[in-house]
Amino acid sequence: MAAPYTIYFAGELFSLKHLVGNSLLAEALERLSGGTYRCILPQDLEQRETPPLSIRNQDLFYCLSADLGLFHFDGPELDSGTAAEFLFAKMLDIPSVILRTDFRVAGDSSHVPWNLMLSGFPRTEIVLVDSVQAYKDQASGRRLPGAQAAQAATEEVAKLTIAALDKARATPAVLPADQRRAVYDWARLFPGSGFESKVSSELLGEILSTKVSKELL
């Protein structure tokens, strides 16, 4: 079996609801894709006693090295860390999916309900789901109890997300082949604060080779 495509799963992780929802969706993505996709959850990486910049550097490393990105754009105001990670991924031409399960319109239009500065980037698919309606469809329509309705709604979101991941992955790269190394080298340097020491030149070469072999760059 081919190695799975790794997904950097960015989003809020500050409450039990966030943590549980992230874990359920990540599990559903791997299971329903038949192991094609495997999520990297920052909540499983971080230790609270770690200095803040070390946490940042670790998250940026996994974002840089992942095959794809999944960015959870929920809330009336987007999580600032998720927005920063999204732009970092776009600089590196990482195929991405923006997922919003929050039914509130909190941006510049109903079609793109977040700040327009995070819109219009290439190799980026958008999945918009009214999670309240999705839950009610399972709870009332299929007469499932609460926990089962939540799981069923999560699986429906996962199916939509898998289709979007497939589409983003199949979109040709924008980053020219002769500029890959320079762009990724710059990504090692511009964060400062010791990030370059976390990504050696040799490791960066391996990451690029893997992405090229998977036809992602």
N, C-alpha and C. Protein backbone atom coordinates (compact mmCIF):
# COMPACT_ATOMS: atom_id res chain seq x y z
N MET A 1 0.85 -1.19 0.00
CA MET A 1 0.00 0.00 0.00
C MET A 1 0.88 1.25 0.00
N ALA A 2 0.52 2.24 -0.80
CA ALA A 2 1.30 3.47 -0.88
C ALA A 2 1.22 4.23 0.44
N ALA A 3 2.24 5.00 0.71
CA ALA A 3 2.25 5.82 1.92
C ALA A 3 1.11 6.82 1.87
N PRO A 4 0.47 7.09 3.01
CA PRO A 4 -0.65 8.04 3.00
C PRO A 4 -0.17 9.46 2.75
N TYR A 5 -1.08 10.29 2.30
CA TYR A 5 -0.82 11.71 2.20
C TYR A 5 -1.05 12.32 3.58
N THR A 6 -0.08 13.06 4.05
CA THR A 6 -0.22 13.68 5.37
C THR A 6 -0.91 15.03 5.24
N ILE A 7 -1.76 15.32 6.21
CA ILE A 7 -2.54 16.56 6.22
C ILE A 7 -2.23 17.31 7.51
N TYR A 8 -1.79 18.53 7.38
CA TYR A 8 -1.67 19.38 8.56
C TYR A 8 -3.05 19.95 8.86
N PHE A 9 -3.61 19.58 10.00
CA PHE A 9 -4.98 19.93 10.39
C PHE A 9 -4.92 21.13 11.33
N ALA A 10 -5.20 22.31 10.81
CA ALA A 10 -5.10 23.54 11.59
C ALA A 10 -6.48 24.01 12.02
N GLY A 11 -6.58 24.46 13.25
CA GLY A 11 -7.85 24.97 13.76
C GLY A 11 -7.76 25.21 15.25
N GLU A 12 -8.84 25.68 15.81
CA GLU A 12 -8.87 25.95 17.25
C GLU A 12 -8.68 24.66 18.04
N LEU A 13 -7.96 24.76 19.17
CA LEU A 13 -7.76 23.60 20.04
C LEU A 13 -7.73 24.05 21.50
N PHE A 14 -8.68 24.94 21.82
CA PHE A 14 -8.64 25.57 23.13
C PHE A 14 -9.73 25.10 24.09
N SER A 15 -10.60 24.22 23.64
CA SER A 15 -11.65 23.71 24.51
C SER A 15 -11.85 22.22 24.23
N LEU A 16 -12.56 21.56 25.12
CA LEU A 16 -12.84 20.14 24.91
C LEU A 16 -13.63 19.92 23.62
N LYS A 17 -14.54 20.83 23.31
CA LYS A 17 -15.32 20.71 22.08
C LYS A 17 -14.41 20.76 20.85
N HIS A 18 -13.44 21.67 20.87
CA HIS A 18 -12.49 21.74 19.77
C HIS A 18 -11.70 20.44 19.65
N LEU A 19 -11.16 20.00 20.78
CA LEU A 19 -10.28 18.82 20.77
C LEU A 19 -11.03 17.58 20.30
N VAL A 20 -12.23 17.38 20.82
CA VAL A 20 -13.02 16.20 20.45
C VAL A 20 -13.44 16.28 18.98
N GLY A 21 -13.91 17.45 18.56
CA GLY A 21 -14.34 17.60 17.17
C GLY A 21 -13.20 17.39 16.19
N ASN A 22 -12.02 17.93 16.50
CA ASN A 22 -10.86 17.73 15.64
C ASN A 22 -10.51 16.24 15.53
N SER A 23 -10.49 15.57 16.68
CA SER A 23 -10.11 14.15 16.69
C SER A 23 -11.10 13.29 15.92
N LEU A 24 -12.39 13.56 16.10
CA LEU A 24 -13.41 12.77 15.40
C LEU A 24 -13.30 12.96 13.88
N LEU A 25 -13.10 14.20 13.46
CA LEU A 25 -13.01 14.44 12.02
C LEU A 25 -11.73 13.83 11.45
N ALA A 26 -10.63 13.95 12.16
CA ALA A 26 -9.37 13.37 11.68
C ALA A 26 -9.49 11.86 11.53
N GLU A 27 -10.13 11.22 12.49
CA GLU A 27 -10.31 9.76 12.42
C GLU A 27 -11.20 9.38 11.26
N ALA A 28 -12.27 10.15 11.05
CA ALA A 28 -13.19 9.86 9.96
C ALA A 28 -12.52 10.06 8.60
N LEU A 29 -11.67 11.06 8.49
CA LEU A 29 -10.97 11.29 7.22
C LEU A 29 -10.07 10.12 6.86
N GLU A 30 -9.34 9.60 7.84
CA GLU A 30 -8.46 8.47 7.56
C GLU A 30 -9.26 7.21 7.25
N ARG A 31 -10.28 6.96 8.03
CA ARG A 31 -11.07 5.73 7.85
C ARG A 31 -11.84 5.75 6.54
N LEU A 32 -12.53 6.85 6.25
CA LEU A 32 -13.38 6.90 5.06
C LEU A 32 -12.58 7.06 3.77
N SER A 33 -11.34 7.49 3.87
CA SER A 33 -10.48 7.58 2.68
C SER A 33 -9.71 6.28 2.46
N GLY A 34 -9.96 5.28 3.30
CA GLY A 34 -9.25 4.01 3.16
C GLY A 34 -7.77 4.13 3.46
N GLY A 35 -7.42 5.09 4.33
CA GLY A 35 -6.03 5.28 4.69
C GLY A 35 -5.25 6.16 3.72
N THR A 36 -5.95 6.73 2.74
CA THR A 36 -5.26 7.63 1.79
C THR A 36 -4.73 8.87 2.50
N TYR A 37 -5.50 9.36 3.47
CA TYR A 37 -5.14 10.57 4.18
C TYR A 37 -4.91 10.30 5.67
N ARG A 38 -3.90 10.95 6.21
CA ARG A 38 -3.62 10.85 7.65
C ARG A 38 -3.36 12.24 8.18
N CYS A 39 -4.13 12.64 9.18
CA CYS A 39 -4.03 13.99 9.73
C CYS A 39 -2.95 14.11 10.80
N ILE A 40 -2.28 15.24 10.78
CA ILE A 40 -1.36 15.63 11.84
C ILE A 40 -2.09 16.69 12.65
N LEU A 41 -2.43 16.35 13.89
CA LEU A 41 -3.17 17.26 14.76
C LEU A 41 -2.22 17.97 15.71
N PRO A 42 -2.11 19.29 15.62
CA PRO A 42 -1.25 20.01 16.56
C PRO A 42 -1.58 19.72 18.02
N GLN A 43 -2.83 19.44 18.32
CA GLN A 43 -3.20 19.16 19.71
C GLN A 43 -2.53 17.89 20.24
N ASP A 44 -2.12 17.00 19.33
CA ASP A 44 -1.43 15.78 19.75
C ASP A 44 0.08 15.99 19.84
N LEU A 45 0.56 17.13 19.38
CA LEU A 45 2.00 17.40 19.35
C LEU A 45 2.44 18.26 20.52
N GLU A 46 1.58 19.16 20.94
CA GLU A 46 2.02 20.21 21.86
C GLU A 46 2.02 19.75 23.32
N GLN A 47 3.02 20.28 24.04
CA GLN A 47 3.11 20.12 25.48
C GLN A 47 2.99 21.50 26.10
N ARG A 48 2.14 21.66 27.07
CA ARG A 48 1.86 22.99 27.59
C ARG A 48 3.05 23.63 28.28
N GLU A 49 4.00 22.80 28.76
CA GLU A 49 5.17 23.37 29.42
C GLU A 49 6.23 23.86 28.43
N THR A 50 6.01 23.62 27.14
CA THR A 50 6.96 24.03 26.11
C THR A 50 6.87 25.54 25.88
N PRO A 51 8.00 26.24 25.72
CA PRO A 51 7.96 27.68 25.44
C PRO A 51 7.13 27.99 24.20
N PRO A 52 6.43 29.13 24.19
CA PRO A 52 5.53 29.46 23.06
C PRO A 52 6.20 29.40 21.69
N LEU A 53 7.42 29.91 21.56
CA LEU A 53 8.06 29.90 20.25
C LEU A 53 8.43 28.49 19.81
N SER A 54 8.70 27.62 20.76
CA SER A 54 8.96 26.21 20.40
C SER A 54 7.70 25.56 19.86
N ILE A 55 6.56 25.90 20.46
CA ILE A 55 5.28 25.39 19.95
C ILE A 55 5.05 25.90 18.54
N ARG A 56 5.27 27.21 18.34
CA ARG A 56 5.10 27.80 17.01
C ARG A 56 6.00 27.11 15.99
N ASN A 57 7.28 26.93 16.35
CA ASN A 57 8.22 26.32 15.41
C ASN A 57 7.84 24.89 15.07
N GLN A 58 7.35 24.17 16.06
CA GLN A 58 6.93 22.78 15.80
C GLN A 58 5.74 22.75 14.85
N ASP A 59 4.77 23.63 15.06
CA ASP A 59 3.60 23.66 14.18
C ASP A 59 3.99 24.09 12.76
N LEU A 60 4.86 25.08 12.64
CA LEU A 60 5.30 25.50 11.31
C LEU A 60 6.05 24.38 10.60
N PHE A 61 6.84 23.62 11.35
CA PHE A 61 7.57 22.51 10.75
C PHE A 61 6.61 21.48 10.15
N TYR A 62 5.60 21.10 10.92
CA TYR A 62 4.66 20.09 10.42
C TYR A 62 3.81 20.65 9.29
N CYS A 63 3.51 21.94 9.32
CA CYS A 63 2.80 22.56 8.21
C CYS A 63 3.65 22.51 6.95
N LEU A 64 4.92 22.86 7.06
CA LEU A 64 5.84 22.86 5.93
C LEU A 64 6.03 21.46 5.35
N SER A 65 6.14 20.47 6.20
CA SER A 65 6.48 19.12 5.74
C SER A 65 5.26 18.32 5.30
N ALA A 66 4.05 18.75 5.65
CA ALA A 66 2.85 18.00 5.28
C ALA A 66 2.60 18.05 3.78
N ASP A 67 1.90 17.03 3.29
CA ASP A 67 1.55 16.98 1.87
C ASP A 67 0.42 17.94 1.52
N LEU A 68 -0.54 18.06 2.42
CA LEU A 68 -1.69 18.93 2.22
C LEU A 68 -2.01 19.65 3.52
N GLY A 69 -2.87 20.66 3.42
CA GLY A 69 -3.32 21.38 4.59
C GLY A 69 -4.83 21.41 4.68
N LEU A 70 -5.35 21.28 5.90
CA LEU A 70 -6.78 21.41 6.17
C LEU A 70 -6.92 22.51 7.21
N PHE A 71 -7.64 23.57 6.86
CA PHE A 71 -7.71 24.75 7.71
C PHE A 71 -9.15 25.00 8.12
N HIS A 72 -9.40 24.87 9.41
CA HIS A 72 -10.75 25.00 9.95
C HIS A 72 -11.02 26.48 10.21
N PHE A 73 -11.86 27.09 9.38
CA PHE A 73 -12.14 28.51 9.45
C PHE A 73 -13.48 28.75 10.14
N ASP A 74 -13.61 28.34 11.39
CA ASP A 74 -14.85 28.55 12.13
C ASP A 74 -14.74 29.77 13.04
N GLY A 75 -15.92 30.22 13.53
CA GLY A 75 -15.95 31.34 14.45
C GLY A 75 -16.32 32.64 13.78
N PRO A 76 -16.89 33.59 14.55
CA PRO A 76 -17.20 34.91 13.99
C PRO A 76 -15.93 35.67 13.61
N GLU A 77 -14.84 35.37 14.28
CA GLU A 77 -13.52 35.89 13.93
C GLU A 77 -12.59 34.70 13.85
N LEU A 78 -11.88 34.56 12.73
CA LEU A 78 -11.04 33.38 12.55
C LEU A 78 -9.92 33.33 13.58
N ASP A 79 -9.55 32.12 13.97
CA ASP A 79 -8.40 31.91 14.84
C ASP A 79 -7.16 32.45 14.15
N SER A 80 -6.44 33.35 14.81
CA SER A 80 -5.31 34.02 14.17
C SER A 80 -4.18 33.07 13.84
N GLY A 81 -3.96 32.05 14.69
CA GLY A 81 -2.91 31.07 14.40
C GLY A 81 -3.22 30.27 13.15
N THR A 82 -4.49 29.89 12.98
CA THR A 82 -4.89 29.15 11.79
C THR A 82 -4.71 30.00 10.53
N ALA A 83 -5.05 31.28 10.62
CA ALA A 83 -4.87 32.17 9.47
C ALA A 83 -3.40 32.29 9.10
N ALA A 84 -2.53 32.41 10.12
CA ALA A 84 -1.09 32.50 9.85
C ALA A 84 -0.57 31.23 9.20
N GLU A 85 -1.02 30.08 9.68
CA GLU A 85 -0.57 28.80 9.13
C GLU A 85 -1.07 28.62 7.70
N PHE A 86 -2.28 29.10 7.43
CA PHE A 86 -2.80 29.01 6.07
C PHE A 86 -1.92 29.79 5.09
N LEU A 87 -1.56 31.01 5.45
CA LEU A 87 -0.72 31.82 4.56
C LEU A 87 0.68 31.22 4.42
N PHE A 88 1.20 30.63 5.47
CA PHE A 88 2.49 29.95 5.40
C PHE A 88 2.40 28.80 4.40
N ALA A 89 1.32 28.02 4.47
CA ALA A 89 1.13 26.90 3.54
C ALA A 89 0.98 27.38 2.10
N LYS A 90 0.28 28.48 1.91
CA LYS A 90 0.08 28.99 0.55
C LYS A 90 1.40 29.50 -0.03
N MET A 91 2.26 30.10 0.78
CA MET A 91 3.56 30.52 0.29
C MET A 91 4.35 29.33 -0.24
N LEU A 92 4.11 28.16 0.36
CA LEU A 92 4.83 26.94 -0.02
C LEU A 92 4.07 26.13 -1.07
N ASP A 93 2.97 26.67 -1.59
CA ASP A 93 2.18 26.02 -2.64
C ASP A 93 1.66 24.65 -2.19
N ILE A 94 1.25 24.57 -0.95
CA ILE A 94 0.72 23.32 -0.41
C ILE A 94 -0.77 23.22 -0.76
N PRO A 95 -1.21 22.15 -1.42
CA PRO A 95 -2.64 21.99 -1.72
C PRO A 95 -3.44 22.02 -0.42
N SER A 96 -4.52 22.77 -0.42
CA SER A 96 -5.22 23.03 0.84
C SER A 96 -6.73 22.98 0.68
N VAL A 97 -7.38 22.72 1.81
CA VAL A 97 -8.84 22.79 1.90
C VAL A 97 -9.18 23.69 3.08
N ILE A 98 -10.05 24.65 2.83
CA ILE A 98 -10.64 25.46 3.90
C ILE A 98 -11.99 24.85 4.23
N LEU A 99 -12.19 24.52 5.50
CA LEU A 99 -13.44 23.93 5.96
C LEU A 99 -14.10 24.87 6.96
N ARG A 100 -15.33 25.21 6.70
CA ARG A 100 -16.10 26.01 7.67
C ARG A 100 -17.41 25.30 7.96
N THR A 101 -17.61 24.96 9.22
CA THR A 101 -18.85 24.29 9.65
C THR A 101 -19.71 25.24 10.48
N ASP A 102 -19.31 26.46 10.57
CA ASP A 102 -20.03 27.51 11.30
C ASP A 102 -20.98 28.19 10.33
N PHE A 103 -22.29 28.17 10.63
CA PHE A 103 -23.27 28.69 9.68
C PHE A 103 -23.32 30.21 9.65
N ARG A 104 -22.66 30.88 10.60
CA ARG A 104 -22.71 32.34 10.64
C ARG A 104 -21.91 32.96 9.48
N VAL A 105 -22.46 34.01 8.89
CA VAL A 105 -21.74 34.74 7.86
C VAL A 105 -20.91 35.81 8.55
N ALA A 106 -19.59 35.62 8.52
CA ALA A 106 -18.72 36.48 9.32
C ALA A 106 -17.66 37.17 8.48
N GLY A 107 -17.91 37.32 7.19
CA GLY A 107 -16.88 37.90 6.32
C GLY A 107 -17.46 38.83 5.30
N ASP A 108 -16.92 38.77 4.10
CA ASP A 108 -17.26 39.73 3.06
C ASP A 108 -18.36 39.27 2.12
N SER A 109 -18.72 37.99 2.17
CA SER A 109 -19.82 37.50 1.35
C SER A 109 -20.28 36.16 1.91
N SER A 110 -21.46 35.72 1.49
CA SER A 110 -21.97 34.43 1.94
C SER A 110 -21.20 33.27 1.33
N HIS A 111 -20.59 33.51 0.16
CA HIS A 111 -19.84 32.45 -0.51
C HIS A 111 -18.44 32.29 0.09
N VAL A 112 -17.91 33.37 0.62
CA VAL A 112 -16.59 33.33 1.27
C VAL A 112 -16.74 34.07 2.60
N PRO A 113 -17.29 33.39 3.61
CA PRO A 113 -17.64 34.07 4.86
C PRO A 113 -16.47 34.27 5.82
N TRP A 114 -15.44 34.90 5.33
CA TRP A 114 -14.32 35.30 6.17
C TRP A 114 -13.63 36.47 5.45
N ASN A 115 -12.62 37.03 6.08
CA ASN A 115 -11.93 38.20 5.52
C ASN A 115 -11.40 37.91 4.12
N LEU A 116 -11.63 38.85 3.22
CA LEU A 116 -11.25 38.64 1.82
C LEU A 116 -9.75 38.47 1.63
N MET A 117 -8.92 38.90 2.57
CA MET A 117 -7.48 38.75 2.44
C MET A 117 -7.05 37.28 2.53
N LEU A 118 -7.95 36.40 2.96
CA LEU A 118 -7.66 34.97 3.02
C LEU A 118 -8.37 34.22 1.90
N SER A 119 -8.77 34.95 0.88
CA SER A 119 -9.53 34.36 -0.22
C SER A 119 -8.75 34.42 -1.53
N GLY A 120 -9.11 33.52 -2.45
CA GLY A 120 -8.61 33.59 -3.81
C GLY A 120 -7.27 32.94 -4.06
N PHE A 121 -6.74 32.20 -3.10
CA PHE A 121 -5.44 31.57 -3.30
C PHE A 121 -5.56 30.30 -4.14
N PRO A 122 -4.58 30.03 -5.01
CA PRO A 122 -4.65 28.84 -5.87
C PRO A 122 -4.48 27.55 -5.08
N ARG A 123 -4.90 26.46 -5.70
CA ARG A 123 -4.79 25.11 -5.12
C ARG A 123 -5.48 25.06 -3.76
N THR A 124 -6.62 25.74 -3.66
CA THR A 124 -7.36 25.80 -2.40
C THR A 124 -8.84 25.53 -2.66
N GLU A 125 -9.35 24.49 -2.06
CA GLU A 125 -10.77 24.15 -2.17
C GLU A 125 -11.49 24.58 -0.90
N ILE A 126 -12.77 24.89 -1.06
CA ILE A 126 -13.58 25.38 0.06
C ILE A 126 -14.74 24.43 0.30
N VAL A 127 -14.94 24.07 1.57
CA VAL A 127 -16.09 23.25 1.99
C VAL A 127 -16.85 24.03 3.04
N LEU A 128 -18.10 24.39 2.72
CA LEU A 128 -18.96 25.11 3.65
C LEU A 128 -20.10 24.19 4.07
N VAL A 129 -20.26 24.02 5.38
CA VAL A 129 -21.29 23.13 5.91
C VAL A 129 -22.02 23.85 7.04
N ASP A 130 -23.34 23.82 6.99
CA ASP A 130 -24.15 24.29 8.12
C ASP A 130 -24.24 23.13 9.10
N SER A 131 -23.42 23.18 10.15
CA SER A 131 -23.32 22.03 11.04
C SER A 131 -24.59 21.80 11.86
N VAL A 132 -25.30 22.87 12.15
CA VAL A 132 -26.57 22.71 12.88
C VAL A 132 -27.56 21.91 12.03
N GLN A 133 -27.67 22.29 10.75
CA GLN A 133 -28.58 21.58 9.87
C GLN A 133 -28.12 20.14 9.65
N ALA A 134 -26.80 19.95 9.50
CA ALA A 134 -26.28 18.59 9.31
C ALA A 134 -26.59 17.71 10.51
N TYR A 135 -26.46 18.26 11.69
CA TYR A 135 -26.78 17.51 12.92
C TYR A 135 -28.27 17.18 12.98
N LYS A 136 -29.10 18.18 12.68
CA LYS A 136 -30.55 17.96 12.73
C LYS A 136 -30.99 16.93 11.71
N ASP A 137 -30.37 16.94 10.54
CA ASP A 137 -30.71 15.96 9.52
C ASP A 137 -30.49 14.54 10.03
N GLN A 138 -29.42 14.36 10.78
CA GLN A 138 -29.12 13.03 11.32
C GLN A 138 -30.00 12.71 12.53
N ALA A 139 -30.20 13.69 13.40
CA ALA A 139 -30.96 13.45 14.63
C ALA A 139 -32.45 13.28 14.36
N SER A 140 -33.00 14.13 13.46
CA SER A 140 -34.44 14.07 13.19
C SER A 140 -34.74 13.18 11.99
N GLY A 141 -34.02 13.40 10.91
CA GLY A 141 -34.29 12.64 9.70
C GLY A 141 -34.04 11.15 9.87
N ARG A 142 -32.92 10.80 10.48
CA ARG A 142 -32.58 9.38 10.68
C ARG A 142 -32.93 8.91 12.09
N ARG A 143 -33.45 9.81 12.90
CA ARG A 143 -33.86 9.51 14.28
C ARG A 143 -32.72 8.88 15.10
N LEU A 144 -31.56 9.50 14.98
CA LEU A 144 -30.41 9.01 15.73
C LEU A 144 -30.29 9.78 17.04
N PRO A 145 -29.88 9.10 18.12
CA PRO A 145 -29.61 9.83 19.36
C PRO A 145 -28.42 10.76 19.19
N GLY A 146 -28.28 11.71 20.13
CA GLY A 146 -27.33 12.80 19.99
C GLY A 146 -25.92 12.41 19.58
N ALA A 147 -25.30 11.49 20.30
CA ALA A 147 -23.92 11.12 20.02
C ALA A 147 -23.80 10.48 18.64
N GLN A 148 -24.75 9.64 18.27
CA GLN A 148 -24.71 8.99 16.97
C GLN A 148 -24.98 9.99 15.85
N ALA A 149 -25.87 10.95 16.12
CA ALA A 149 -26.14 11.99 15.12
C ALA A 149 -24.89 12.83 14.89
N ALA A 150 -24.17 13.14 15.96
CA ALA A 150 -22.94 13.92 15.83
C ALA A 150 -21.90 13.16 15.02
N GLN A 151 -21.78 11.86 15.28
CA GLN A 151 -20.82 11.04 14.54
C GLN A 151 -21.20 10.95 13.07
N ALA A 152 -22.49 10.76 12.81
CA ALA A 152 -22.95 10.66 11.42
C ALA A 152 -22.74 11.98 10.69
N ALA A 153 -23.01 13.11 11.35
CA ALA A 153 -22.78 14.41 10.73
C ALA A 153 -21.30 14.61 10.44
N THR A 154 -20.45 14.17 11.36
CA THR A 154 -19.00 14.28 11.17
C THR A 154 -18.57 13.48 9.95
N GLU A 155 -19.14 12.32 9.76
CA GLU A 155 -18.79 11.49 8.61
C GLU A 155 -19.23 12.13 7.30
N GLU A 156 -20.36 12.81 7.31
CA GLU A 156 -20.80 13.52 6.10
C GLU A 156 -19.84 14.65 5.77
N VAL A 157 -19.38 15.37 6.79
CA VAL A 157 -18.40 16.44 6.58
C VAL A 157 -17.09 15.84 6.06
N ALA A 158 -16.71 14.70 6.61
CA ALA A 158 -15.47 14.05 6.18
C ALA A 158 -15.54 13.67 4.71
N LYS A 159 -16.67 13.17 4.24
CA LYS A 159 -16.81 12.78 2.84
C LYS A 159 -16.64 13.99 1.92
N LEU A 160 -17.25 15.11 2.30
CA LEU A 160 -17.10 16.33 1.51
C LEU A 160 -15.65 16.81 1.51
N THR A 161 -15.01 16.67 2.65
CA THR A 161 -13.63 17.12 2.78
C THR A 161 -12.69 16.24 1.98
N ILE A 162 -12.93 14.94 1.97
CA ILE A 162 -12.10 14.02 1.17
C ILE A 162 -12.19 14.37 -0.31
N ALA A 163 -13.40 14.64 -0.79
CA ALA A 163 -13.56 15.02 -2.19
C ALA A 163 -12.79 16.31 -2.50
N ALA A 164 -12.81 17.25 -1.57
CA ALA A 164 -12.08 18.50 -1.76
C ALA A 164 -10.57 18.28 -1.70
N LEU A 165 -10.12 17.42 -0.81
CA LEU A 165 -8.69 17.08 -0.73
C LEU A 165 -8.22 16.44 -2.04
N ASP A 166 -9.04 15.53 -2.56
CA ASP A 166 -8.71 14.88 -3.84
C ASP A 166 -8.55 15.92 -4.95
N LYS A 167 -9.46 16.88 -4.97
CA LYS A 167 -9.43 17.90 -6.02
C LYS A 167 -8.23 18.82 -5.86
N ALA A 168 -7.95 19.23 -4.63
CA ALA A 168 -6.80 20.11 -4.39
C ALA A 168 -5.50 19.40 -4.74
N ARG A 169 -5.41 18.13 -4.40
CA ARG A 169 -4.20 17.34 -4.66
C ARG A 169 -3.98 17.17 -6.16
N ALA A 170 -5.05 17.11 -6.93
CA ALA A 170 -4.93 16.91 -8.38
C ALA A 170 -4.65 18.21 -9.14
N THR A 171 -4.75 19.33 -8.46
CA THR A 171 -4.50 20.61 -9.12
C THR A 171 -3.00 20.81 -9.33
N PRO A 172 -2.58 21.15 -10.55
CA PRO A 172 -1.14 21.31 -10.81
C PRO A 172 -0.50 22.36 -9.92
N ALA A 173 0.75 22.15 -9.61
CA ALA A 173 1.50 23.09 -8.78
C ALA A 173 1.63 24.44 -9.46
N VAL A 174 1.67 25.49 -8.66
CA VAL A 174 1.89 26.84 -9.15
C VAL A 174 3.37 27.21 -9.04
N LEU A 175 4.02 26.74 -7.99
CA LEU A 175 5.42 27.06 -7.74
C LEU A 175 6.31 26.45 -8.83
N PRO A 176 7.04 27.28 -9.59
CA PRO A 176 7.90 26.74 -10.65
C PRO A 176 8.96 25.80 -10.08
N ALA A 177 9.28 24.76 -10.83
CA ALA A 177 10.22 23.75 -10.36
C ALA A 177 11.58 24.34 -10.02
N ASP A 178 12.01 25.34 -10.80
CA ASP A 178 13.33 25.90 -10.57
C ASP A 178 13.38 26.88 -9.39
N GLN A 179 12.22 27.11 -8.77
CA GLN A 179 12.17 28.01 -7.62
C GLN A 179 11.82 27.30 -6.31
N ARG A 180 11.56 26.00 -6.39
CA ARG A 180 11.14 25.27 -5.19
C ARG A 180 12.13 25.41 -4.05
N ARG A 181 13.39 25.10 -4.35
CA ARG A 181 14.38 25.08 -3.29
C ARG A 181 14.55 26.47 -2.67
N ALA A 182 14.56 27.50 -3.50
CA ALA A 182 14.74 28.86 -2.98
C ALA A 182 13.58 29.26 -2.07
N VAL A 183 12.36 28.93 -2.48
CA VAL A 183 11.19 29.29 -1.67
C VAL A 183 11.21 28.54 -0.35
N TYR A 184 11.51 27.25 -0.39
CA TYR A 184 11.53 26.46 0.85
C TYR A 184 12.71 26.85 1.73
N ASP A 185 13.81 27.23 1.14
CA ASP A 185 14.94 27.74 1.93
C ASP A 185 14.55 29.03 2.65
N TRP A 186 13.84 29.91 1.96
CA TRP A 186 13.39 31.15 2.58
C TRP A 186 12.41 30.85 3.72
N ALA A 187 11.58 29.82 3.53
CA ALA A 187 10.63 29.44 4.59
C ALA A 187 11.35 28.96 5.85
N ARG A 188 12.57 28.47 5.70
CA ARG A 188 13.37 28.09 6.87
C ARG A 188 13.85 29.32 7.63
N LEU A 189 14.08 30.41 6.90
CA LEU A 189 14.76 31.56 7.47
C LEU A 189 13.84 32.66 8.00
N PHE A 190 12.75 32.95 7.25
CA PHE A 190 12.01 34.15 7.61
C PHE A 190 11.28 34.08 8.96
N PRO A 191 10.91 32.88 9.49
CA PRO A 191 10.29 32.89 10.82
C PRO A 191 11.25 33.29 11.94
N GLY A 192 12.57 33.15 11.70
CA GLY A 192 13.54 33.48 12.74
C GLY A 192 13.33 32.64 13.99
N SER A 193 13.82 33.13 15.13
CA SER A 193 13.60 32.51 16.44
C SER A 193 13.93 31.02 16.46
N GLY A 194 15.00 30.64 15.75
CA GLY A 194 15.48 29.27 15.82
C GLY A 194 14.80 28.29 14.90
N PHE A 195 13.89 28.77 14.05
CA PHE A 195 13.17 27.81 13.19
C PHE A 195 14.12 27.11 12.23
N GLU A 196 15.12 27.85 11.71
CA GLU A 196 16.02 27.25 10.73
C GLU A 196 16.78 26.07 11.31
N SER A 197 17.02 26.06 12.62
CA SER A 197 17.74 24.95 13.23
C SER A 197 16.87 23.70 13.32
N LYS A 198 15.57 23.87 13.22
CA LYS A 198 14.64 22.72 13.27
C LYS A 198 14.54 22.03 11.93
N VAL A 199 14.89 22.75 10.85
CA VAL A 199 14.78 22.20 9.50
C VAL A 199 16.15 22.30 8.84
N SER A 200 16.93 21.25 8.93
CA SER A 200 18.26 21.26 8.32
C SER A 200 18.14 21.27 6.80
N SER A 201 19.21 21.65 6.15
CA SER A 201 19.23 21.66 4.69
C SER A 201 18.96 20.27 4.14
N GLU A 202 19.53 19.26 4.78
CA GLU A 202 19.34 17.87 4.33
C GLU A 202 17.89 17.44 4.50
N LEU A 203 17.30 17.78 5.64
CA LEU A 203 15.90 17.42 5.88
C LEU A 203 14.99 18.13 4.89
N LEU A 204 15.29 19.38 4.60
CA LEU A 204 14.48 20.12 3.64
C LEU A 204 14.54 19.45 2.27
N GLY A 205 15.71 18.97 1.89
CA GLY A 205 15.84 18.26 0.62
C GLY A 205 14.98 17.00 0.59
N GLU A 206 14.94 16.27 1.71
CA GLU A 206 14.12 15.06 1.78
C GLU A 206 12.63 15.40 1.67
N ILE A 207 12.22 16.47 2.33
CA ILE A 207 10.82 16.89 2.28
C ILE A 207 10.42 17.23 0.84
N LEU A 208 11.27 17.99 0.17
CA LEU A 208 10.98 18.36 -1.21
C LEU A 208 10.94 17.14 -2.13
N SER A 209 11.87 16.23 -1.93
CA SER A 209 11.89 15.01 -2.75
C SER A 209 10.63 14.19 -2.58
N THR A 210 10.16 14.10 -1.34
CA THR A 210 8.93 13.36 -1.08
C THR A 210 7.75 14.00 -1.77
N LYS A 211 7.65 15.33 -1.69
CA LYS A 211 6.53 16.01 -2.32
C LYS A 211 6.57 15.88 -3.84
N VAL A 212 7.75 15.94 -4.40
CA VAL A 212 7.89 15.77 -5.85
C VAL A 212 7.50 14.36 -6.26
N SER A 213 7.93 13.36 -5.45
CA SER A 213 7.61 11.96 -5.78
C SER A 213 6.11 11.69 -5.72
N LYS A 214 5.40 12.44 -4.88
CA LYS A 214 3.95 12.29 -4.77
C LYS A 214 3.22 13.21 -5.75
N GLU A 215 3.97 13.89 -6.60
CA GLU A 215 3.44 14.78 -7.63
C GLU A 215 2.64 15.92 -7.00
N LEU A 216 3.12 16.42 -5.87
CA LEU A 216 2.50 17.54 -5.20
C LEU A 216 3.21 18.86 -5.53
N LEU A 217 4.44 18.76 -6.01
CA LEU A 217 5.21 19.92 -6.46
C LEU A 217 5.82 19.60 -7.82
